[in-house]
Each structure stands twice: as C-alpha cells, then as structure tokens.
Amino acid sequence: MGEVLVITSGKGGVGKTTTSANIGTGLAALGYKVVLVDTDIGLRNLDVVLGLENRIVYDIVDVTHGKCRLKQALIKDKRFEGLHLLPAAQTKDKTAVTPEQMQELCAELKKEFDYVVIDCPAGIEQGFKNAIAGAERAIVVTTPEVSAVRDADRIIGLLEASDLRSPKLIVNRLRPKMVKKGDMMGIEDIIDILAIDLIGVVPEDEMIVVSTNRGEPAVLDNNSKAGQAYRNIAKRITGQDVPFMNLEAEGGFVEKLKSLIRFR
C-alpha cells in the first residue's frame, strides 16, 4: 500500500507545481512507482512541466464522474516506466470534485503506486480542501518572502486542523548572496516563524526556467543545483538521511583575496 503526499503552499507562484514535478520524477528515478495528481482544476500546469500536455485524453473529473476508468486517464511518462500523471480538467472549476471523491481516488491509487504526489492549487478554498482530503503527509513550499511565509503559516494551521500533523517545509528560490547581505529572509528566520521541520532548500537556479520550458524536470539535470536539491528531497521523503547542501554565498574577488591572505 502506497502513501499519499500533498504539496501545498498557500500563496501562488512559489514553485509548487515545479516542486511536485521534480519530487515525483525524483522518486521515480529512485525506482518507486509514482503517480502525480494535478488538482488545480481550471489552471492545470503539471502536464506542461512534465512535457505530457499533448497526451491528455481524460482527466481527474472524468475519473471521479465515472466517464472513464482510472487507468484510461493515467498518462505514462516518457522517461520512467513507473511514473504516471493524472491531469486536472482545464474546462471545469474546482467544485467539480468533492473531498469524498478525492478520498476514494487516493485510496484506489494507493493500491497501485508507492507514492501518490498531489499538486495542490494555491489558496485555501475548495481546491485546497479537495487536495488534502486523501493525503497522509504534507509538504509546504514557500519562498523567502514575507507574504509567502505568512501564507505558509496559515496553511500549516489549516493542515494541522485537518489532522495532517507535522508537515515538512521546502524553502524555494533561496539566494544566498541576498541572505548574506540581509536583503532576504534566511532559513533560520523562516523556521523560527513556521516552527516545522525543514526537508529541503532549493537555491535560485536559471536551469529551472530552462527545464520547465523543455518539459524536463531539473531533477534529471546533474549540472543543476536545484536539481541536486530536489534529488536530496526525494531521498529524504523515502527516509534516507541526506545532508543538506552547502549554500553559503561565495565571496567576490576581494573576499577571496582576503581569504588567501588569512590562509598565509
């Protein structure tokens, strides 16, 4: 029996869908059977990030309304045998699926897959309630911005009120140089505010834009720092003890020169 994991954030635009795609792909690369479920009905994007947008025939609404069998709606990934996508509907709204239908869907998917990774829509409305209905674990994604952290705090409260205890935190798009100069919130500041355990820090990386446009998750790029961060997160989800990457800001020429002088 598999496990249902919801990726949520509160605020939109923090990289939640990119995170879902990379975590799902990272788990599949480790040999697990994974299904990514897009619950952002009306605004689906997970199919594009995975490069599967042209293969959609049926969607999650078709499945929950009995218009097709579950297996008919699952789209097999091009790269990994064990990775599948259940896309969201593009022409319906978020009330097209109920929490009870999501619970039934997740229970069915758990029979076939090791991990059911749910990409939750932004906000705290019906889409959020649907996405968490069948989940057993939650990961909250935030960027190091006050508004994003505030919304993440709100989401953590709602998760705990829904008995999704001990959610984990991913800080996305961290810029170590800005943190060092005091222009961006640091990891410790964010953890102090949110008071949940950290499962990963993803540095700002231009390769994320490139990989998203290509439909190839960065987790498959060995030269991408963000890709390495997502590979580490996938391993931590499976219970592996993986040390955090050193994201200390590298100094400029003057600081390097000072370092050399100190070394002598």
C-alpha atoms as a PDB file:
ATOM      1  CA  MET A   1       0.000   0.000   0.000  1.00  0.00           C
ATOM      2  CA  GLY A   2       1.411   3.366  -1.025  1.00  0.00           C
ATOM      3  CA  GLU A   3       1.460   6.769   0.620  1.00  0.00           C
ATOM      4  CA  VAL A   4      -0.364   9.977  -0.350  1.00  0.00           C
ATOM      5  CA  LEU A   5       1.710  13.153  -0.190  1.00  0.00           C
ATOM      6  CA  VAL A   6       0.269  16.616  -0.855  1.00  0.00           C
ATOM      7  CA  ILE A   7       2.472  19.523  -1.985  1.00  0.00           C
ATOM      8  CA  THR A   8       0.912  22.820  -0.927  1.00  0.00           C
ATOM      9  CA  SER A   9       1.838  26.448  -0.296  1.00  0.00           C
ATOM     10  CA  GLY A  10      -0.977  28.918   0.254  1.00  0.00           C
ATOM     11  CA  LYS A  11       0.499  31.613  -1.950  1.00  0.00           C
ATOM     12  CA  GLY A  12       0.656  31.057  -5.694  1.00  0.00           C
ATOM     13  CA  GLY A  13       3.840  31.435  -7.709  1.00  0.00           C
ATOM     14  CA  VAL A  14       6.239  29.915  -5.172  1.00  0.00           C
ATOM     15  CA  GLY A  15       7.147  26.945  -7.392  1.00  0.00           C
ATOM     16  CA  LYS A  16       4.716  24.371  -6.024  1.00  0.00           C
ATOM     17  CA  THR A  17       3.959  22.678  -9.349  1.00  0.00           C
ATOM     18  CA  THR A  18       7.656  22.631 -10.280  1.00  0.00           C
ATOM     19  CA  THR A  19       8.373  21.107  -6.875  1.00  0.00           C
ATOM     20  CA  SER A  20       5.666  18.465  -7.350  1.00  0.00           C
ATOM     21  CA  ALA A  21       7.051  17.507 -10.775  1.00  0.00           C
ATOM     22  CA  ASN A  22      10.611  17.276  -9.502  1.00  0.00           C
ATOM     23  CA  ILE A  23       9.738  15.306  -6.375  1.00  0.00           C
ATOM     24  CA  GLY A  24       7.618  12.856  -8.361  1.00  0.00           C
ATOM     25  CA  THR A  25      10.284  12.416 -11.015  1.00  0.00           C
ATOM     26  CA  GLY A  26      12.996  12.152  -8.353  1.00  0.00           C
ATOM     27  CA  LEU A  27      11.100   9.356  -6.581  1.00  0.00           C
ATOM     28  CA  ALA A  28      10.555   7.547  -9.892  1.00  0.00           C
ATOM     29  CA  ALA A  29      14.282   7.857 -10.638  1.00  0.00           C
ATOM     30  CA  LEU A  30      14.918   6.043  -7.344  1.00  0.00           C
ATOM     31  CA  GLY A  31      12.848   3.130  -8.647  1.00  0.00           C
ATOM     32  CA  TYR A  32       9.487   3.819  -6.993  1.00  0.00           C
ATOM     33  CA  LYS A  33       6.097   3.663  -8.704  1.00  0.00           C
ATOM     34  CA  VAL A  34       4.734   7.211  -8.591  1.00  0.00           C
ATOM     35  CA  VAL A  35       1.581   8.975  -9.764  1.00  0.00           C
ATOM     36  CA  LEU A  36       1.415  12.755  -9.876  1.00  0.00           C
ATOM     37  CA  VAL A  37      -2.125  14.093  -9.439  1.00  0.00           C
ATOM     38  CA  ASP A  38      -2.888  17.617 -10.642  1.00  0.00           C
ATOM     39  CA  THR A  39      -5.777  19.007  -8.568  1.00  0.00           C
ATOM     40  CA  ASP A  40      -5.533  22.556  -9.915  1.00  0.00           C
ATOM     41  CA  ILE A  41      -8.762  22.220 -11.900  1.00  0.00           C
ATOM     42  CA  GLY A  42      -9.144  25.006 -14.457  1.00  0.00           C
ATOM     43  CA  LEU A  43      -5.472  26.044 -14.268  1.00  0.00           C
ATOM     44  CA  ARG A  44      -3.517  22.846 -14.866  1.00  0.00           C
ATOM     45  CA  ASN A  45       0.229  23.129 -15.493  1.00  0.00           C
ATOM     46  CA  LEU A  46       1.767  19.911 -14.237  1.00  0.00           C
ATOM     47  CA  ASP A  47       1.320  18.299 -17.663  1.00  0.00           C
ATOM     48  CA  VAL A  48       3.377  21.090 -19.274  1.00  0.00           C
ATOM     49  CA  VAL A  49       6.181  20.882 -16.706  1.00  0.00           C
ATOM     50  CA  LEU A  50       6.400  17.142 -17.403  1.00  0.00           C
ATOM     51  CA  GLY A  51       6.171  17.571 -21.182  1.00  0.00           C
ATOM     52  CA  LEU A  52       2.988  15.467 -21.374  1.00  0.00           C
ATOM     53  CA  GLU A  53       0.440  18.109 -22.404  1.00  0.00           C
ATOM     54  CA  ASN A  54      -0.230  16.582 -25.839  1.00  0.00           C
ATOM     55  CA  ARG A  55      -1.131  13.155 -24.437  1.00  0.00           C
ATOM     56  CA  ILE A  56      -4.154  14.147 -22.344  1.00  0.00           C
ATOM     57  CA  VAL A  57      -7.410  12.431 -23.307  1.00  0.00           C
ATOM     58  CA  TYR A  58      -9.188  12.080 -19.958  1.00  0.00           C
ATOM     59  CA  ASP A  59      -8.718  13.928 -16.668  1.00  0.00           C
ATOM     60  CA  ILE A  60      -9.441  13.745 -12.936  1.00  0.00           C
ATOM     61  CA  VAL A  61     -13.023  14.991 -13.354  1.00  0.00           C
ATOM     62  CA  ASP A  62     -13.735  12.309 -15.970  1.00  0.00           C
ATOM     63  CA  VAL A  63     -12.482   9.676 -13.497  1.00  0.00           C
ATOM     64  CA  THR A  64     -14.413  10.909 -10.453  1.00  0.00           C
ATOM     65  CA  HIS A  65     -17.604  11.296 -12.537  1.00  0.00           C
ATOM     66  CA  GLY A  66     -17.289   7.798 -13.958  1.00  0.00           C
ATOM     67  CA  LYS A  67     -16.816   8.891 -17.579  1.00  0.00           C
ATOM     68  CA  CYS A  68     -13.698   6.739 -17.921  1.00  0.00           C
ATOM     69  CA  ARG A  69     -11.758   4.130 -15.980  1.00  0.00           C
ATOM     70  CA  LEU A  70      -8.858   5.332 -13.818  1.00  0.00           C
ATOM     71  CA  LYS A  71      -6.293   3.531 -15.980  1.00  0.00           C
ATOM     72  CA  GLN A  72      -7.618   5.261 -19.091  1.00  0.00           C
ATOM     73  CA  ALA A  73      -6.844   8.697 -17.602  1.00  0.00           C
ATOM     74  CA  LEU A  74      -3.339   7.891 -16.361  1.00  0.00           C
ATOM     75  CA  ILE A  75      -0.615   9.192 -18.683  1.00  0.00           C
ATOM     76  CA  LYS A  76       2.639   7.269 -18.708  1.00  0.00           C
ATOM     77  CA  ASP A  77       5.815   9.370 -18.501  1.00  0.00           C
ATOM     78  CA  LYS A  78       8.210   9.310 -21.461  1.00  0.00           C
ATOM     79  CA  ARG A  79      11.308   8.702 -19.329  1.00  0.00           C
ATOM     80  CA  PHE A  80      10.360   6.461 -16.399  1.00  0.00           C
ATOM     81  CA  GLU A  81       8.290   3.293 -16.573  1.00  0.00           C
ATOM     82  CA  GLY A  82       6.949   3.809 -13.036  1.00  0.00           C
ATOM     83  CA  LEU A  83       5.904   7.466 -13.364  1.00  0.00           C
ATOM     84  CA  HIS A  84       2.346   8.470 -14.315  1.00  0.00           C
ATOM     85  CA  LEU A  85       0.281  11.656 -14.386  1.00  0.00           C
ATOM     86  CA  LEU A  86      -3.413  12.125 -13.638  1.00  0.00           C
ATOM     87  CA  PRO A  87      -4.116  15.548 -15.166  1.00  0.00           C
ATOM     88  CA  ALA A  88      -6.576  18.172 -13.968  1.00  0.00           C
ATOM     89  CA  ALA A  89      -9.526  19.257 -16.086  1.00  0.00           C
ATOM     90  CA  GLN A  90      -8.998  22.506 -17.929  1.00  0.00           C
ATOM     91  CA  THR A  91     -12.598  23.461 -18.605  1.00  0.00           C
ATOM     92  CA  LYS A  92     -14.217  22.818 -15.207  1.00  0.00           C
ATOM     93  CA  ASP A  93     -13.965  24.640 -11.876  1.00  0.00           C
ATOM     94  CA  LYS A  94     -12.597  23.451  -8.538  1.00  0.00           C
ATOM     95  CA  THR A  95     -16.042  22.377  -7.278  1.00  0.00           C
ATOM     96  CA  ALA A  96     -16.208  19.677  -9.970  1.00  0.00           C
ATOM     97  CA  VAL A  97     -14.565  17.258  -7.500  1.00  0.00           C
ATOM     98  CA  THR A  98     -15.575  16.742  -3.860  1.00  0.00           C
ATOM     99  CA  PRO A  99     -13.320  15.813  -0.901  1.00  0.00           C
ATOM    100  CA  GLU A 100     -15.132  12.465  -0.657  1.00  0.00           C
ATOM    101  CA  GLN A 101     -14.356  11.721  -4.321  1.00  0.00           C
ATOM    102  CA  MET A 102     -10.698  12.627  -3.718  1.00  0.00           C
ATOM    103  CA  GLN A 103     -10.519  10.263  -0.757  1.00  0.00           C
ATOM    104  CA  GLU A 104     -11.892   7.425  -2.889  1.00  0.00           C
ATOM    105  CA  LEU A 105      -9.487   8.284  -5.718  1.00  0.00           C
ATOM    106  CA  CYS A 106      -6.445   8.358  -3.421  1.00  0.00           C
ATOM    107  CA  ALA A 107      -7.442   5.050  -1.828  1.00  0.00           C
ATOM    108  CA  GLU A 108      -7.605   3.491  -5.296  1.00  0.00           C
ATOM    109  CA  LEU A 109      -4.256   4.968  -6.419  1.00  0.00           C
ATOM    110  CA  LYS A 110      -2.500   3.771  -3.244  1.00  0.00           C
ATOM    111  CA  LYS A 111      -3.181   0.190  -4.309  1.00  0.00           C
ATOM    112  CA  GLU A 112      -1.105   0.640  -7.478  1.00  0.00           C
ATOM    113  CA  PHE A 113       1.595   3.163  -6.569  1.00  0.00           C
ATOM    114  CA  ASP A 114       4.271   3.573  -3.875  1.00  0.00           C
ATOM    115  CA  TYR A 115       3.756   7.341  -3.816  1.00  0.00           C
ATOM    116  CA  VAL A 116       0.725   9.434  -4.787  1.00  0.00           C
ATOM    117  CA  VAL A 117       2.008  13.025  -5.103  1.00  0.00           C
ATOM    118  CA  ILE A 118      -0.774  15.642  -5.195  1.00  0.00           C
ATOM    119  CA  ASP A 119      -0.121  19.084  -6.646  1.00  0.00           C
ATOM    120  CA  CYS A 120      -2.426  21.350  -4.622  1.00  0.00           C
ATOM    121  CA  PRO A 121      -3.809  24.598  -6.080  1.00  0.00           C
ATOM    122  CA  ALA A 122      -2.956  27.905  -4.422  1.00  0.00           C
ATOM    123  CA  GLY A 123      -5.313  29.364  -1.853  1.00  0.00           C
ATOM    124  CA  ILE A 124      -7.448  27.919   0.940  1.00  0.00           C
ATOM    125  CA  GLU A 125     -10.710  27.405  -0.921  1.00  0.00           C
ATOM    126  CA  GLN A 126     -12.382  24.263  -2.284  1.00  0.00           C
ATOM    127  CA  GLY A 127      -9.362  23.219  -4.364  1.00  0.00           C
ATOM    128  CA  PHE A 128      -7.181  23.103  -1.250  1.00  0.00           C
ATOM    129  CA  LYS A 129      -9.806  21.127   0.680  1.00  0.00           C
ATOM    130  CA  ASN A 130     -10.038  18.610  -2.166  1.00  0.00           C
ATOM    131  CA  ALA A 131      -6.272  18.226  -2.483  1.00  0.00           C
ATOM    132  CA  ILE A 132      -5.669  17.446   1.187  1.00  0.00           C
ATOM    133  CA  ALA A 133      -8.731  15.231   1.639  1.00  0.00           C
ATOM    134  CA  GLY A 134      -6.964  11.954   0.890  1.00  0.00           C
ATOM    135  CA  ALA A 135      -3.432  12.956   1.962  1.00  0.00           C
ATOM    136  CA  GLU A 136      -1.410  11.364   4.750  1.00  0.00           C
ATOM    137  CA  ARG A 137       1.638  13.646   4.679  1.00  0.00           C
ATOM    138  CA  ALA A 138       2.076  17.271   3.616  1.00  0.00           C
ATOM    139  CA  ILE A 139       4.958  19.352   2.329  1.00  0.00           C
ATOM    140  CA  VAL A 140       4.637  23.140   2.449  1.00  0.00           C
ATOM    141  CA  VAL A 141       6.572  25.157  -0.141  1.00  0.00           C
ATOM    142  CA  THR A 142       7.498  28.775   0.453  1.00  0.00           C
ATOM    143  CA  THR A 143       9.881  31.327  -0.964  1.00  0.00           C
ATOM    144  CA  PRO A 144      11.912  33.589   1.366  1.00  0.00           C
ATOM    145  CA  GLU A 145       9.399  36.436   1.108  1.00  0.00           C
ATOM    146  CA  VAL A 146       7.268  37.790   3.932  1.00  0.00           C
ATOM    147  CA  SER A 147       3.973  37.355   2.059  1.00  0.00           C
ATOM    148  CA  ALA A 148       4.768  33.754   1.073  1.00  0.00           C
ATOM    149  CA  VAL A 149       5.871  32.819   4.609  1.00  0.00           C
ATOM    150  CA  ARG A 150       2.739  34.400   6.079  1.00  0.00           C
ATOM    151  CA  ASP A 151       0.520  32.353   3.728  1.00  0.00           C
ATOM    152  CA  ALA A 152       2.538  29.216   4.509  1.00  0.00           C
ATOM    153  CA  ASP A 153       1.887  29.814   8.213  1.00  0.00           C
ATOM    154  CA  ARG A 154      -1.841  29.998   7.519  1.00  0.00           C
ATOM    155  CA  ILE A 155      -1.711  26.766   5.507  1.00  0.00           C
ATOM    156  CA  ILE A 156       0.199  24.937   8.274  1.00  0.00           C
ATOM    157  CA  GLY A 157      -2.596  25.852  10.696  1.00  0.00           C
ATOM    158  CA  LEU A 158      -5.235  24.515   8.308  1.00  0.00           C
ATOM    159  CA  LEU A 159      -3.272  21.295   7.701  1.00  0.00           C
ATOM    160  CA  GLU A 160      -2.949  20.629  11.415  1.00  0.00           C
ATOM    161  CA  ALA A 161      -6.647  21.377  11.932  1.00  0.00           C
ATOM    162  CA  SER A 162      -7.309  18.706   9.283  1.00  0.00           C
ATOM    163  CA  ASP A 163      -5.172  16.174  11.213  1.00  0.00           C
ATOM    164  CA  LEU A 164      -2.242  16.425   8.796  1.00  0.00           C
ATOM    165  CA  ARG A 165       0.261  16.760  11.606  1.00  0.00           C
ATOM    166  CA  SER A 166       3.972  17.529  11.272  1.00  0.00           C
ATOM    167  CA  PRO A 167       4.084  18.915   7.722  1.00  0.00           C
ATOM    168  CA  LYS A 168       7.563  19.416   6.278  1.00  0.00           C
ATOM    169  CA  LEU A 169       8.977  22.601   4.784  1.00  0.00           C
ATOM    170  CA  ILE A 170      10.728  23.353   1.485  1.00  0.00           C
ATOM    171  CA  VAL A 171      12.269  26.804   1.078  1.00  0.00           C
ATOM    172  CA  ASN A 172      12.412  27.504  -2.635  1.00  0.00           C
ATOM    173  CA  ARG A 173      14.422  30.026  -4.676  1.00  0.00           C
ATOM    174  CA  LEU A 174      16.861  30.929  -1.933  1.00  0.00           C
ATOM    175  CA  ARG A 175      19.532  33.447  -2.960  1.00  0.00           C
ATOM    176  CA  PRO A 176      22.460  33.002  -0.561  1.00  0.00           C
ATOM    177  CA  LYS A 177      24.128  36.279  -1.575  1.00  0.00           C
ATOM    178  CA  MET A 178      20.973  38.260  -0.755  1.00  0.00           C
ATOM    179  CA  VAL A 179      20.616  36.426   2.562  1.00  0.00           C
ATOM    180  CA  LYS A 180      24.246  37.225   3.370  1.00  0.00           C
ATOM    181  CA  LYS A 181      23.651  40.929   2.696  1.00  0.00           C
ATOM    182  CA  GLY A 182      20.491  40.918   4.807  1.00  0.00           C
ATOM    183  CA  ASP A 183      18.247  41.587   1.808  1.00  0.00           C
ATOM    184  CA  MET A 184      16.399  38.239   2.010  1.00  0.00           C
ATOM    185  CA  MET A 185      14.999  36.146   4.854  1.00  0.00           C
ATOM    186  CA  GLY A 186      17.337  33.363   5.926  1.00  0.00           C
ATOM    187  CA  ILE A 187      16.445  29.729   6.594  1.00  0.00           C
ATOM    188  CA  GLU A 188      16.633  30.119  10.374  1.00  0.00           C
ATOM    189  CA  ASP A 189      14.279  33.121  10.288  1.00  0.00           C
ATOM    190  CA  ILE A 190      11.704  31.164   8.278  1.00  0.00           C
ATOM    191  CA  ILE A 191      11.917  28.108  10.527  1.00  0.00           C
ATOM    192  CA  ASP A 192      11.536  30.321  13.615  1.00  0.00           C
ATOM    193  CA  ILE A 193       8.276  31.708  12.195  1.00  0.00           C
ATOM    194  CA  LEU A 194       6.783  28.486  10.833  1.00  0.00           C
ATOM    195  CA  ALA A 195       8.097  26.091  13.502  1.00  0.00           C
ATOM    196  CA  ILE A 196       8.081  22.973  11.318  1.00  0.00           C
ATOM    197  CA  ASP A 197      10.895  20.683  10.187  1.00  0.00           C
ATOM    198  CA  LEU A 198      12.857  21.506   7.066  1.00  0.00           C
ATOM    199  CA  ILE A 199      13.040  18.820   4.368  1.00  0.00           C
ATOM    200  CA  GLY A 200      14.841  20.822   1.696  1.00  0.00           C
ATOM    201  CA  VAL A 201      16.244  24.125   0.473  1.00  0.00           C
ATOM    202  CA  VAL A 202      16.208  24.780  -3.275  1.00  0.00           C
ATOM    203  CA  PRO A 203      18.527  27.543  -4.471  1.00  0.00           C
ATOM    204  CA  GLU A 204      17.544  30.009  -7.173  1.00  0.00           C
ATOM    205  CA  ASP A 205      18.626  28.377 -10.426  1.00  0.00           C
ATOM    206  CA  GLU A 206      18.126  29.571 -14.012  1.00  0.00           C
ATOM    207  CA  MET A 207      18.049  25.943 -15.113  1.00  0.00           C
ATOM    208  CA  ILE A 208      14.574  25.642 -13.570  1.00  0.00           C
ATOM    209  CA  VAL A 209      13.223  28.025 -16.222  1.00  0.00           C
ATOM    210  CA  VAL A 210      15.016  26.152 -18.986  1.00  0.00           C
ATOM    211  CA  SER A 211      13.894  22.727 -17.787  1.00  0.00           C
ATOM    212  CA  THR A 212      10.285  23.850 -17.286  1.00  0.00           C
ATOM    213  CA  ASN A 213      10.108  25.241 -20.810  1.00  0.00           C
ATOM    214  CA  ARG A 214      11.515  21.973 -22.170  1.00  0.00           C
ATOM    215  CA  GLY A 215       9.168  19.792 -20.129  1.00  0.00           C
ATOM    216  CA  GLU A 216      12.147  18.088 -18.494  1.00  0.00           C
ATOM    217  CA  PRO A 217      12.247  18.347 -14.672  1.00  0.00           C
ATOM    218  CA  ALA A 218      15.527  19.792 -13.334  1.00  0.00           C
ATOM    219  CA  VAL A 219      15.920  16.793 -11.038  1.00  0.00           C
ATOM    220  CA  LEU A 220      17.239  14.921 -14.116  1.00  0.00           C
ATOM    221  CA  ASP A 221      19.975  17.519 -14.752  1.00  0.00           C
ATOM    222  CA  ASN A 222      23.174  16.621 -12.904  1.00  0.00           C
ATOM    223  CA  ASN A 223      24.558  20.130 -13.522  1.00  0.00           C
ATOM    224  CA  SER A 224      21.630  21.911 -11.850  1.00  0.00           C
ATOM    225  CA  LYS A 225      21.959  22.901  -8.171  1.00  0.00           C
ATOM    226  CA  ALA A 226      18.173  22.979  -7.885  1.00  0.00           C
ATOM    227  CA  GLY A 227      18.109  19.508  -9.443  1.00  0.00           C
ATOM    228  CA  GLN A 228      20.525  18.241  -6.777  1.00  0.00           C
ATOM    229  CA  ALA A 229      18.370  19.809  -4.061  1.00  0.00           C
ATOM    230  CA  TYR A 230      15.288  18.007  -5.413  1.00  0.00           C
ATOM    231  CA  ARG A 231      17.166  14.689  -5.648  1.00  0.00           C
ATOM    232  CA  ASN A 232      18.088  15.088  -1.984  1.00  0.00           C
ATOM    233  CA  ILE A 233      14.480  15.911  -1.029  1.00  0.00           C
ATOM    234  CA  ALA A 234      13.208  12.800  -2.837  1.00  0.00           C
ATOM    235  CA  LYS A 235      15.663  10.653  -0.881  1.00  0.00           C
ATOM    236  CA  ARG A 236      14.628  12.267   2.432  1.00  0.00           C
ATOM    237  CA  ILE A 237      10.960  11.515   1.649  1.00  0.00           C
ATOM    238  CA  THR A 238      11.886   7.834   1.410  1.00  0.00           C
ATOM    239  CA  GLY A 239      13.545   8.030   4.817  1.00  0.00           C
ATOM    240  CA  GLN A 240      17.172   8.366   3.745  1.00  0.00           C
ATOM    241  CA  ASP A 241      19.421  10.587   5.860  1.00  0.00           C
ATOM    242  CA  VAL A 242      20.882  13.039   3.352  1.00  0.00           C
ATOM    243  CA  PRO A 243      22.938  16.067   4.498  1.00  0.00           C
ATOM    244  CA  PHE A 244      21.839  19.500   3.341  1.00  0.00           C
ATOM    245  CA  MET A 245      23.791  21.167   0.542  1.00  0.00           C
ATOM    246  CA  ASN A 246      26.228  23.921   1.427  1.00  0.00           C
ATOM    247  CA  LEU A 247      24.566  27.047   0.026  1.00  0.00           C
ATOM    248  CA  GLU A 248      26.896  29.563   1.629  1.00  0.00           C
ATOM    249  CA  ALA A 249      27.326  32.564  -0.665  1.00  0.00           C
ATOM    250  CA  GLU A 250      30.643  32.592  -2.471  1.00  0.00           C
ATOM    251  CA  GLY A 251      32.510  35.840  -1.944  1.00  0.00           C
ATOM    252  CA  GLY A 252      33.728  38.164  -4.670  1.00  0.00           C
ATOM    253  CA  PHE A 253      37.309  38.788  -5.719  1.00  0.00           C
ATOM    254  CA  VAL A 254      38.122  40.982  -2.700  1.00  0.00           C
ATOM    255  CA  GLU A 255      36.798  38.420  -0.208  1.00  0.00           C
ATOM    256  CA  LYS A 256      38.681  35.613  -1.947  1.00  0.00           C
ATOM    257  CA  LEU A 257      41.875  37.711  -1.777  1.00  0.00           C
ATOM    258  CA  LYS A 258      41.312  38.345   1.936  1.00  0.00           C
ATOM    259  CA  SER A 259      40.792  34.623   2.418  1.00  0.00           C
ATOM    260  CA  LEU A 260      44.112  33.861   0.717  1.00  0.00           C
ATOM    261  CA  ILE A 261      45.906  36.447   2.876  1.00  0.00           C
ATOM    262  CA  ARG A 262      44.367  34.961   6.032  1.00  0.00           C
ATOM    263  CA  PHE A 263      45.390  31.481   4.864  1.00  0.00           C
ATOM    264  CA  ARG A 264      49.048  32.567   4.586  1.00  0.00           C
END
